[in-house]
Amino acid sequence: MWPLTVPPPPLLLLLLCSGLAGQTLFQSPEEGWQLYTSAQAPDGKCICTAVIPAQSTCARDGRSRELRQLMEKVQNVSQSMEVLELRTYRDLQYVRSMETLMRSLDARLRAADGSLSAKSFQELKDRMTELLPLSSVLEQYKADTRTIVRLREEVRNLSGSLAAIQEEMGAYGYEDLQQRVMALEARLHACAQKLGCGKLTGVSNPITIRAMGSRFGSWMTDTMAPSADSRVWYMDGYYKGRRVLEFRTLGDFIKGQNFIQHLLPQPWAGTGHVVYNGSLFYNKYQSNVVVKYHFRSRSVLVQRSLPGAGYNNTFPYSWGGFSDMDFMVDESGLWAVYTTNQNAGNIVVSRLDPHTLEVMRSWDTGYPKRSAGEAFMICGVLYVTNSHLAGAKVYFAYFTNTSSYEYTDVPFHNQYSHISMLDYNPRERALYTWNNGHQVLYNVTLFHVISTAGDP
């Protein structure tokens, strides 16, 4: 077995467990932690789970903010005490002079040995009687003054301790932290690559990212981009569209800001588009032509007809929407899911060359496409849902490595009751979904088989 041996620096958390199914989580927008992968051995033991902050969240955590707020409170207390000391300085001088006067009168009274007249002695005695209530007030004021002095010293010590903690926590600048996180990400991705492909055993509850656009559409990230590249592409509608919005980050997509627009030279059909290695792959409207559009050069690099593929709602999914051709990417490359008259409307899976768009190999799954709600590829396995409506489940799996199939029963929560796009992203190991105008993510649970470097 292959163990994960990455040491746990401050920004990296490793959790070891046993008896749990391996799973992969996609972070919600409000969270600052992202679970890359976990693995499960054939004996059921969970090998590892690696967690790291997403690249966009390389910033001080909540403890730093709390420390900063605490220091501000201490500084406010210190300033208030300085103001109090200034305001009471004159009072303190007066108290000290009154105390001196009382001591002087008391001494004179005690020293009187009959030399004073009866009248003078009575005057001194009356004066002392008047000042006597001030004695307790003076003692309390002196005690309070000593308390303030001690408190000020404690505040000074606390302020010094907090400054030392802040200096320790801030030992690394933002750029240093960013470099450390990038290095950790690279190590984690290298570890993740050693995980074998897994079989789908579960789909999590949905994570709603945003509600935007019409009932039908698609959204995606580049499955081949490095982890620092979190751009999101958004395509509203299912036919005749040409407008593609490119958002800088997932956070910008959520807020609807910082995007550029691409205008495709040919309109699209359906919602089965995919972004792969900097290019958009889509079905040209009213044709069985596959188009590869390169975002950086804003040009079509290649386009090619998919032999015999149906189009114009000839063989769509059960929801219609010109979904005759569905492009997908998994760990092994680019795929096209469609059907032909020759295959009697059953789903055909074809492996495509991403450079030339030529069909490298095809499989006839035997599953009628019009009965499918949606489909996605994971590790060379085509998973098909039995409906696009509420109550749907992953009902069918076709294994291209063995040209075999099986019926499955993996439910998932169709929160908004009408799925018109469902694609697996191997980089995040999550399902991207367009559900009745909502952009939604699902985490998937995969049963992993791990091999060592020496295994064949």
Protein backbone atom coordinates (compact mmCIF):
# COMPACT_ATOMS: atom_id res chain seq x y z
CA MET A 1 0.00 0.00 0.00
CA TRP A 2 1.10 3.57 -0.61
CA PRO A 3 0.99 5.83 2.49
CA LEU A 4 0.77 9.61 2.52
CA THR A 5 3.78 10.99 4.38
CA VAL A 6 3.48 14.76 3.90
CA PRO A 7 4.50 16.51 7.17
CA PRO A 8 1.78 18.70 8.73
CA PRO A 9 2.90 22.37 8.44
CA PRO A 10 0.64 25.11 9.84
CA LEU A 11 -1.47 25.41 6.69
CA LEU A 12 -1.88 21.66 6.12
CA LEU A 13 -4.10 19.24 8.00
CA LEU A 14 -3.81 15.46 7.69
CA LEU A 15 -6.54 13.19 9.07
CA LEU A 16 -6.08 9.43 9.39
CA CYS A 17 -9.15 7.27 9.79
CA SER A 18 -10.32 3.68 9.55
CA GLY A 19 -13.52 2.01 8.50
CA LEU A 20 -14.67 4.95 6.38
CA ALA A 21 -15.36 5.12 2.67
CA GLY A 22 -12.89 7.22 0.68
CA GLN A 23 -14.41 10.44 -0.52
CA THR A 24 -13.57 13.77 -2.10
CA LEU A 25 -15.13 17.04 -1.05
CA PHE A 26 -15.43 20.34 -2.88
CA GLN A 27 -15.37 23.36 -0.65
CA SER A 28 -18.44 25.55 -0.31
CA PRO A 29 -17.97 29.27 -1.09
CA GLU A 30 -18.05 30.20 2.60
CA GLU A 31 -15.38 27.74 3.67
CA GLY A 32 -11.63 28.13 3.51
CA TRP A 33 -10.64 24.45 3.35
CA GLN A 34 -10.60 22.13 0.39
CA LEU A 35 -10.44 18.34 0.60
CA TYR A 36 -8.41 17.01 -2.32
CA THR A 37 -8.68 13.27 -1.97
CA SER A 38 -8.88 10.22 0.20
CA ALA A 39 -8.32 6.57 -0.45
CA GLN A 40 -9.78 3.28 0.65
CA ALA A 41 -7.96 -0.02 0.57
CA PRO A 42 -9.73 -3.26 -0.41
CA ASP A 43 -9.91 -4.21 3.28
CA GLY A 44 -12.03 -1.11 3.94
CA LYS A 45 -9.39 0.89 5.78
CA CYS A 46 -9.30 4.61 5.01
CA ILE A 47 -5.69 5.49 4.15
CA CYS A 48 -5.58 9.28 4.23
CA THR A 49 -7.37 12.55 3.79
CA ALA A 50 -5.52 15.73 2.81
CA VAL A 51 -6.90 19.19 3.43
CA ILE A 52 -5.43 22.54 2.38
CA PRO A 53 -6.76 26.09 1.99
CA ALA A 54 -7.85 26.97 -1.54
CA GLN A 55 -5.43 29.26 -3.41
CA SER A 56 -7.88 32.15 -3.28
CA THR A 57 -7.99 32.01 0.52
CA CYS A 58 -4.27 32.54 1.23
CA ALA A 59 -4.93 35.11 3.95
CA ARG A 60 -4.87 35.38 7.73
CA ASP A 61 -7.30 33.02 9.44
CA GLY A 62 -9.94 33.81 12.07
CA ARG A 63 -7.46 33.57 14.95
CA SER A 64 -5.43 36.43 13.49
CA ARG A 65 -8.53 38.59 13.21
CA GLU A 66 -9.47 37.76 16.81
CA LEU A 67 -5.95 38.61 17.96
CA ARG A 68 -6.07 41.91 16.12
CA GLN A 69 -9.44 42.75 17.69
CA LEU A 70 -8.16 41.83 21.15
CA MET A 71 -5.12 44.05 20.73
CA GLU A 72 -7.36 46.91 19.70
CA LYS A 73 -9.45 46.42 22.85
CA VAL A 74 -6.35 46.40 25.04
CA GLN A 75 -5.09 49.57 23.37
CA ASN A 76 -8.46 51.21 23.97
CA VAL A 77 -8.34 50.27 27.66
CA SER A 78 -4.81 51.63 27.93
CA GLN A 79 -5.80 54.92 26.30
CA SER A 80 -8.84 55.21 28.59
CA MET A 81 -6.64 54.71 31.62
CA GLU A 82 -4.27 57.42 30.44
CA VAL A 83 -7.20 59.81 30.07
CA LEU A 84 -8.44 58.85 33.54
CA GLU A 85 -5.01 59.47 35.02
CA LEU A 86 -4.83 62.92 33.48
CA ARG A 87 -8.31 63.80 34.72
CA THR A 88 -7.60 62.65 38.29
CA TYR A 89 -4.12 64.12 38.61
CA ARG A 90 -5.34 67.37 40.20
CA ASP A 91 -7.72 65.43 42.46
CA LEU A 92 -4.85 63.25 43.56
CA GLN A 93 -2.77 66.33 44.40
CA TYR A 94 -5.69 67.74 46.41
CA VAL A 95 -6.13 64.45 48.26
CA ARG A 96 -2.47 64.39 49.16
CA SER A 97 -2.59 68.02 50.43
CA MET A 98 -5.70 67.27 52.51
CA GLU A 99 -3.98 64.25 54.00
CA THR A 100 -0.99 66.42 54.95
CA LEU A 101 -3.30 69.00 56.51
CA MET A 102 -5.11 66.38 58.57
CA ARG A 103 -1.85 64.95 59.84
CA SER A 104 -0.66 68.44 60.78
CA LEU A 105 -3.84 69.24 62.66
CA ASP A 106 -3.76 65.89 64.41
CA ALA A 107 -0.17 66.52 65.51
CA ARG A 108 -0.97 69.99 66.80
CA LEU A 109 -3.96 68.65 68.70
CA ARG A 110 -1.93 65.88 70.32
CA ALA A 111 0.85 68.33 71.19
CA ALA A 112 -1.45 70.75 72.92
CA ASP A 113 -0.54 70.52 76.60
CA GLY A 114 -2.61 73.30 78.00
CA SER A 115 -0.69 76.05 76.23
CA LEU A 116 -3.69 76.72 74.02
CA SER A 117 -6.60 78.66 75.25
CA ALA A 118 -9.87 76.86 75.67
CA LYS A 119 -11.23 78.69 72.67
CA SER A 120 -8.31 77.78 70.37
CA PHE A 121 -8.39 74.15 71.49
CA GLN A 122 -12.11 73.93 70.78
CA GLU A 123 -11.58 75.42 67.31
CA LEU A 124 -8.96 72.80 66.49
CA LYS A 125 -11.18 70.05 67.82
CA ASP A 126 -14.14 71.25 65.76
CA ARG A 127 -11.93 71.44 62.66
CA MET A 128 -10.77 67.88 63.16
CA THR A 129 -14.35 66.71 63.65
CA GLU A 130 -15.29 68.26 60.30
CA LEU A 131 -12.37 66.58 58.51
CA LEU A 132 -12.79 63.19 60.16
CA PRO A 133 -15.29 61.80 57.52
CA LEU A 134 -12.70 62.51 54.84
CA SER A 135 -10.35 59.97 56.34
CA SER A 136 -12.18 56.93 54.95
CA VAL A 137 -12.65 58.67 51.58
CA LEU A 138 -8.92 59.39 51.39
CA GLU A 139 -8.03 55.80 52.22
CA GLN A 140 -10.43 54.48 49.54
CA TYR A 141 -9.07 56.94 46.98
CA LYS A 142 -5.52 55.84 47.74
CA ALA A 143 -6.54 52.19 47.42
CA ASP A 144 -8.23 52.88 44.09
CA THR A 145 -5.14 54.68 42.89
CA ARG A 146 -2.99 51.67 43.74
CA THR A 147 -5.47 49.43 41.88
CA ILE A 148 -5.24 51.61 38.79
CA VAL A 149 -1.45 51.48 38.90
CA ARG A 150 -1.50 47.66 39.10
CA LEU A 151 -4.11 47.44 36.34
CA ARG A 152 -2.06 49.68 34.09
CA GLU A 153 0.96 47.43 34.63
CA GLU A 154 -1.11 44.34 33.80
CA VAL A 155 -2.40 45.99 30.63
CA ARG A 156 1.16 46.86 29.65
CA ASN A 157 2.24 43.24 30.17
CA LEU A 158 -0.77 41.91 28.26
CA SER A 159 -0.12 44.28 25.39
CA GLY A 160 3.47 43.06 25.20
CA SER A 161 2.38 39.42 25.20
CA LEU A 162 -0.17 40.01 22.43
CA ALA A 163 2.43 41.85 20.36
CA ALA A 164 4.80 38.89 20.72
CA ILE A 165 2.04 36.47 19.64
CA GLN A 166 1.16 38.66 16.69
CA GLU A 167 4.81 38.85 15.69
CA GLU A 168 5.09 35.05 15.86
CA MET A 169 1.90 34.51 13.82
CA GLY A 170 2.98 37.11 11.32
CA ALA A 171 6.44 35.71 10.83
CA TYR A 172 5.61 35.00 7.20
CA GLY A 173 4.47 37.76 4.88
CA TYR A 174 1.65 37.26 2.42
CA GLU A 175 4.00 36.45 -0.45
CA ASP A 176 5.87 33.91 1.67
CA LEU A 177 2.59 32.28 2.72
CA GLN A 178 1.43 32.18 -0.89
CA GLN A 179 4.63 30.45 -1.99
CA ARG A 180 4.34 27.94 0.86
CA VAL A 181 0.74 27.16 -0.07
CA MET A 182 1.62 26.72 -3.75
CA ALA A 183 4.42 24.34 -2.83
CA LEU A 184 2.08 22.35 -0.60
CA GLU A 185 -0.54 22.23 -3.34
CA ALA A 186 2.01 20.84 -5.77
CA ARG A 187 3.01 18.13 -3.30
CA LEU A 188 -0.62 17.23 -2.61
CA HIS A 189 -1.47 17.01 -6.30
CA ALA A 190 1.56 14.77 -6.82
CA CYS A 191 0.23 12.54 -4.04
CA ALA A 192 -3.26 12.57 -5.52
CA GLN A 193 -1.92 11.38 -8.87
CA LYS A 194 -0.78 8.16 -7.19
CA LEU A 195 -4.34 7.32 -6.23
CA GLY A 196 -5.88 4.82 -8.56
CA CYS A 197 -9.22 5.48 -10.24
CA GLY A 198 -12.27 4.55 -8.25
CA LYS A 199 -15.78 3.30 -8.69
CA LEU A 200 -18.65 5.66 -7.87
CA THR A 201 -20.35 4.63 -4.64
CA GLY A 202 -22.09 7.84 -3.56
CA VAL A 203 -23.05 11.42 -4.39
CA SER A 204 -23.22 14.07 -1.68
CA ASN A 205 -25.94 16.60 -0.99
CA PRO A 206 -25.88 19.56 -3.40
CA ILE A 207 -23.88 22.73 -2.83
CA THR A 208 -25.62 25.66 -4.52
CA ILE A 209 -23.00 28.06 -5.86
CA ARG A 210 -25.26 30.60 -7.52
CA ALA A 211 -28.69 31.11 -9.08
CA MET A 212 -28.24 32.89 -12.41
CA GLY A 213 -29.55 32.62 -15.93
CA SER A 214 -32.37 30.72 -17.58
CA ARG A 215 -33.66 27.23 -16.88
CA PHE A 216 -31.04 25.63 -19.13
CA GLY A 217 -27.31 26.23 -19.47
CA SER A 218 -23.84 25.08 -18.53
CA TRP A 219 -20.90 26.21 -16.42
CA MET A 220 -17.46 24.70 -15.93
CA THR A 221 -13.78 25.11 -15.08
CA ASP A 222 -10.78 23.92 -17.09
CA THR A 223 -10.08 20.35 -16.04
CA MET A 224 -6.45 20.59 -17.18
CA ALA A 225 -5.56 23.98 -15.68
CA PRO A 226 -3.20 24.21 -12.68
CA SER A 227 -4.82 24.61 -9.28
CA ALA A 228 -3.99 28.33 -9.17
CA ASP A 229 -6.21 28.85 -12.23
CA SER A 230 -9.78 28.95 -10.93
CA ARG A 231 -11.49 30.60 -13.90
CA VAL A 232 -15.14 29.77 -14.48
CA TRP A 233 -16.93 29.70 -17.84
CA TYR A 234 -20.66 30.34 -18.08
CA MET A 235 -22.96 29.65 -21.07
CA ASP A 236 -26.65 30.47 -20.67
CA GLY A 237 -29.26 28.70 -22.85
CA TYR A 238 -29.29 25.49 -24.85
CA TYR A 239 -29.28 26.59 -28.50
CA LYS A 240 -28.22 29.42 -30.85
CA GLY A 241 -26.05 30.97 -28.12
CA ARG A 242 -22.65 32.45 -28.90
CA ARG A 243 -21.84 34.41 -25.73
CA VAL A 244 -19.41 32.81 -23.26
CA LEU A 245 -18.54 34.62 -20.02
CA GLU A 246 -15.15 33.94 -18.45
CA PHE A 247 -14.90 34.82 -14.75
CA ARG A 248 -11.50 35.26 -13.15
CA THR A 249 -12.25 33.09 -10.09
CA LEU A 250 -15.07 31.11 -8.53
CA GLY A 251 -15.51 33.94 -6.04
CA ASP A 252 -15.95 36.42 -8.90
CA PHE A 253 -18.49 34.10 -10.50
CA ILE A 254 -20.47 33.99 -7.25
CA LYS A 255 -20.43 37.80 -7.07
CA GLY A 256 -20.96 38.30 -10.83
CA GLN A 257 -17.86 40.47 -11.27
CA ASN A 258 -14.48 40.50 -13.07
CA PHE A 259 -15.38 38.68 -16.27
CA ILE A 260 -14.66 38.96 -19.95
CA GLN A 261 -16.87 37.94 -22.87
CA HIS A 262 -16.06 35.60 -25.75
CA LEU A 263 -18.27 35.66 -28.83
CA LEU A 264 -18.13 32.30 -30.60
CA PRO A 265 -17.96 32.33 -34.42
CA GLN A 266 -20.59 29.57 -34.60
CA PRO A 267 -23.58 29.16 -32.26
CA TRP A 268 -23.83 26.14 -29.98
CA ALA A 269 -26.43 23.41 -29.52
CA GLY A 270 -27.25 21.71 -26.23
CA THR A 271 -25.47 22.11 -22.89
CA GLY A 272 -22.82 19.40 -23.16
CA HIS A 273 -19.85 21.73 -23.56
CA VAL A 274 -16.52 21.25 -21.83
CA VAL A 275 -13.37 23.34 -21.31
CA TYR A 276 -10.21 21.29 -21.69
CA ASN A 277 -6.63 22.60 -21.72
CA GLY A 278 -7.56 26.18 -22.63
CA SER A 279 -10.14 25.34 -25.31
CA LEU A 280 -13.92 25.01 -25.43
CA PHE A 281 -15.36 21.91 -27.10
CA TYR A 282 -18.98 22.24 -28.24
CA ASN A 283 -21.55 21.08 -30.79
CA LYS A 284 -22.18 23.52 -33.64
CA TYR A 285 -25.89 24.36 -33.93
CA GLN A 286 -27.89 22.38 -36.56
CA SER A 287 -24.99 20.01 -37.30
CA ASN A 288 -23.03 17.08 -35.92
CA VAL A 289 -19.84 19.17 -36.04
CA VAL A 290 -17.52 19.33 -33.03
CA VAL A 291 -15.85 22.74 -32.62
CA LYS A 292 -12.64 23.40 -30.69
CA TYR A 293 -12.46 27.09 -29.77
CA HIS A 294 -9.24 28.42 -28.21
CA PHE A 295 -9.89 31.13 -25.62
CA ARG A 296 -6.50 32.86 -25.66
CA SER A 297 -6.32 33.29 -29.43
CA ARG A 298 -10.12 33.70 -29.70
CA SER A 299 -10.16 31.43 -32.72
CA VAL A 300 -11.39 28.01 -33.85
CA LEU A 301 -8.42 25.63 -33.92
CA VAL A 302 -10.25 22.70 -35.50
CA GLN A 303 -13.77 21.46 -36.26
CA ARG A 304 -14.86 18.03 -37.43
CA SER A 305 -18.08 16.09 -38.04
CA LEU A 306 -18.79 13.20 -35.72
CA PRO A 307 -19.66 10.37 -38.15
CA GLY A 308 -23.32 9.37 -38.00
CA ALA A 309 -24.06 11.37 -34.84
CA GLY A 310 -27.64 12.56 -34.49
CA TYR A 311 -28.39 16.25 -34.01
CA ASN A 312 -31.29 18.76 -33.85
CA ASN A 313 -33.11 16.79 -31.12
CA THR A 314 -32.89 13.51 -33.04
CA PHE A 315 -31.34 11.66 -30.07
CA PRO A 316 -31.37 13.99 -27.04
CA TYR A 317 -31.53 13.14 -23.37
CA SER A 318 -35.01 12.82 -21.89
CA TRP A 319 -35.20 16.56 -21.22
CA GLY A 320 -34.61 17.48 -24.88
CA GLY A 321 -32.83 20.79 -25.36
CA PHE A 322 -30.75 19.77 -28.44
CA SER A 323 -28.69 17.58 -26.09
CA ASP A 324 -27.78 15.11 -28.86
CA MET A 325 -24.03 15.47 -28.29
CA ASP A 326 -22.45 15.62 -24.84
CA PHE A 327 -18.71 16.22 -24.38
CA MET A 328 -16.93 15.09 -21.23
CA VAL A 329 -13.48 14.96 -19.67
CA ASP A 330 -12.25 12.54 -17.07
CA GLU A 331 -8.87 11.32 -15.80
CA SER A 332 -8.11 9.66 -19.14
CA GLY A 333 -9.03 12.41 -21.59
CA LEU A 334 -11.76 13.78 -23.86
CA TRP A 335 -14.99 11.91 -24.62
CA ALA A 336 -18.11 12.37 -26.73
CA VAL A 337 -21.45 10.79 -25.76
CA TYR A 338 -24.09 10.65 -28.52
CA THR A 339 -25.98 8.13 -30.62
CA THR A 340 -26.59 7.18 -34.24
CA ASN A 341 -29.26 5.51 -36.36
CA GLN A 342 -26.89 2.57 -36.78
CA ASN A 343 -26.87 2.09 -33.00
CA ALA A 344 -30.68 2.30 -32.86
CA GLY A 345 -30.64 5.29 -30.51
CA ASN A 346 -28.46 3.61 -27.89
CA ILE A 347 -25.74 5.68 -26.23
CA VAL A 348 -22.37 5.61 -27.99
CA VAL A 349 -19.21 6.57 -26.10
CA SER A 350 -16.26 7.72 -28.21
CA ARG A 351 -12.76 8.64 -27.13
CA LEU A 352 -11.63 11.74 -29.06
CA ASP A 353 -8.19 13.04 -29.90
CA PRO A 354 -8.25 16.54 -28.35
CA HIS A 355 -5.91 17.90 -31.07
CA THR A 356 -7.59 16.56 -34.21
CA LEU A 357 -11.06 15.61 -32.87
CA GLU A 358 -10.73 12.24 -34.59
CA VAL A 359 -12.53 9.28 -33.00
CA MET A 360 -9.93 7.01 -31.44
CA ARG A 361 -12.35 4.28 -30.31
CA SER A 362 -16.10 3.86 -29.76
CA TRP A 363 -18.34 1.69 -27.53
CA ASP A 364 -22.03 0.88 -27.91
CA THR A 365 -23.45 0.84 -24.38
CA GLY A 366 -26.84 -0.60 -25.30
CA TYR A 367 -28.62 2.02 -23.15
CA PRO A 368 -31.32 4.09 -24.96
CA LYS A 369 -30.30 7.75 -24.87
CA ARG A 370 -33.85 9.09 -24.79
CA SER A 371 -34.36 7.20 -21.51
CA ALA A 372 -31.37 8.88 -19.88
CA GLY A 373 -31.70 12.02 -17.79
CA GLU A 374 -28.01 12.97 -18.02
CA ALA A 375 -24.60 11.24 -18.04
CA PHE A 376 -20.99 11.79 -16.96
CA MET A 377 -17.63 10.01 -17.17
CA ILE A 378 -15.38 9.06 -14.23
CA CYS A 379 -12.20 7.02 -14.77
CA GLY A 380 -13.36 5.67 -18.11
CA VAL A 381 -16.78 4.65 -16.79
CA LEU A 382 -19.97 6.19 -18.18
CA TYR A 383 -22.58 6.80 -15.47
CA VAL A 384 -26.17 7.44 -16.59
CA THR A 385 -29.05 8.86 -14.58
CA ASN A 386 -32.54 7.49 -15.14
CA SER A 387 -34.20 10.92 -15.04
CA HIS A 388 -33.56 14.65 -15.06
CA LEU A 389 -36.38 15.27 -12.57
CA ALA A 390 -36.74 14.89 -8.80
CA GLY A 391 -36.06 11.37 -7.50
CA ALA A 392 -33.37 10.65 -10.07
CA LYS A 393 -30.48 8.31 -9.37
CA VAL A 394 -27.39 6.98 -11.10
CA TYR A 395 -28.96 3.93 -12.63
CA PHE A 396 -26.48 2.54 -15.18
CA ALA A 397 -22.70 2.24 -15.50
CA TYR A 398 -20.72 1.24 -18.59
CA PHE A 399 -17.06 0.23 -18.19
CA THR A 400 -15.02 1.03 -21.30
CA ASN A 401 -11.99 -0.95 -20.06
CA THR A 402 -13.98 -4.21 -20.08
CA SER A 403 -16.81 -3.26 -22.49
CA SER A 404 -19.29 -4.34 -19.84
CA TYR A 405 -22.12 -2.71 -17.91
CA GLU A 406 -24.09 -3.00 -14.70
CA TYR A 407 -27.19 -1.46 -13.19
CA THR A 408 -26.52 0.71 -10.16
CA ASP A 409 -28.56 2.42 -7.46
CA VAL A 410 -26.77 5.61 -6.41
CA PRO A 411 -29.31 8.32 -5.46
CA PHE A 412 -28.60 12.03 -5.48
CA HIS A 413 -30.67 14.94 -4.29
CA ASN A 414 -32.16 16.83 -7.26
CA GLN A 415 -32.89 19.95 -5.23
CA TYR A 416 -34.37 22.12 -8.01
CA SER A 417 -36.10 19.33 -9.94
CA HIS A 418 -34.74 19.86 -13.47
CA ILE A 419 -31.15 18.99 -14.37
CA SER A 420 -30.05 20.05 -17.84
CA MET A 421 -26.28 19.67 -17.46
CA LEU A 422 -24.23 17.21 -15.40
CA ASP A 423 -20.45 16.89 -15.81
CA TYR A 424 -17.63 15.43 -13.77
CA ASN A 425 -14.49 17.51 -13.19
CA PRO A 426 -11.46 15.30 -12.49
CA ARG A 427 -9.41 18.20 -11.13
CA GLU A 428 -11.85 18.90 -8.27
CA ARG A 429 -13.37 15.41 -8.37
CA ALA A 430 -16.83 16.93 -8.24
CA LEU A 431 -19.97 17.04 -10.37
CA TYR A 432 -20.90 20.37 -11.96
CA THR A 433 -24.65 20.74 -12.49
CA TRP A 434 -27.07 23.24 -14.00
CA ASN A 435 -30.33 22.66 -12.18
CA ASN A 436 -33.31 24.82 -13.14
CA GLY A 437 -31.30 28.04 -13.29
CA HIS A 438 -29.05 27.12 -10.34
CA GLN A 439 -25.35 26.32 -10.59
CA VAL A 440 -24.75 23.40 -8.24
CA LEU A 441 -21.86 21.15 -7.17
CA TYR A 442 -21.90 17.59 -5.86
CA ASN A 443 -19.06 15.76 -4.15
CA VAL A 444 -18.56 12.16 -5.17
CA THR A 445 -17.48 9.14 -3.13
CA LEU A 446 -15.15 6.81 -5.02
CA PHE A 447 -13.83 3.41 -3.99
CA HIS A 448 -10.09 3.80 -4.69
CA VAL A 449 -7.56 1.10 -5.40
CA ILE A 450 -4.04 2.22 -4.50
CA SER A 451 -0.93 0.78 -6.09
CA THR A 452 2.71 1.31 -5.15
CA ALA A 453 5.27 2.62 -7.61
CA GLY A 454 6.61 -0.88 -8.11
CA ASP A 455 3.29 -2.42 -9.07
CA PRO A 456 2.66 -3.12 -12.77
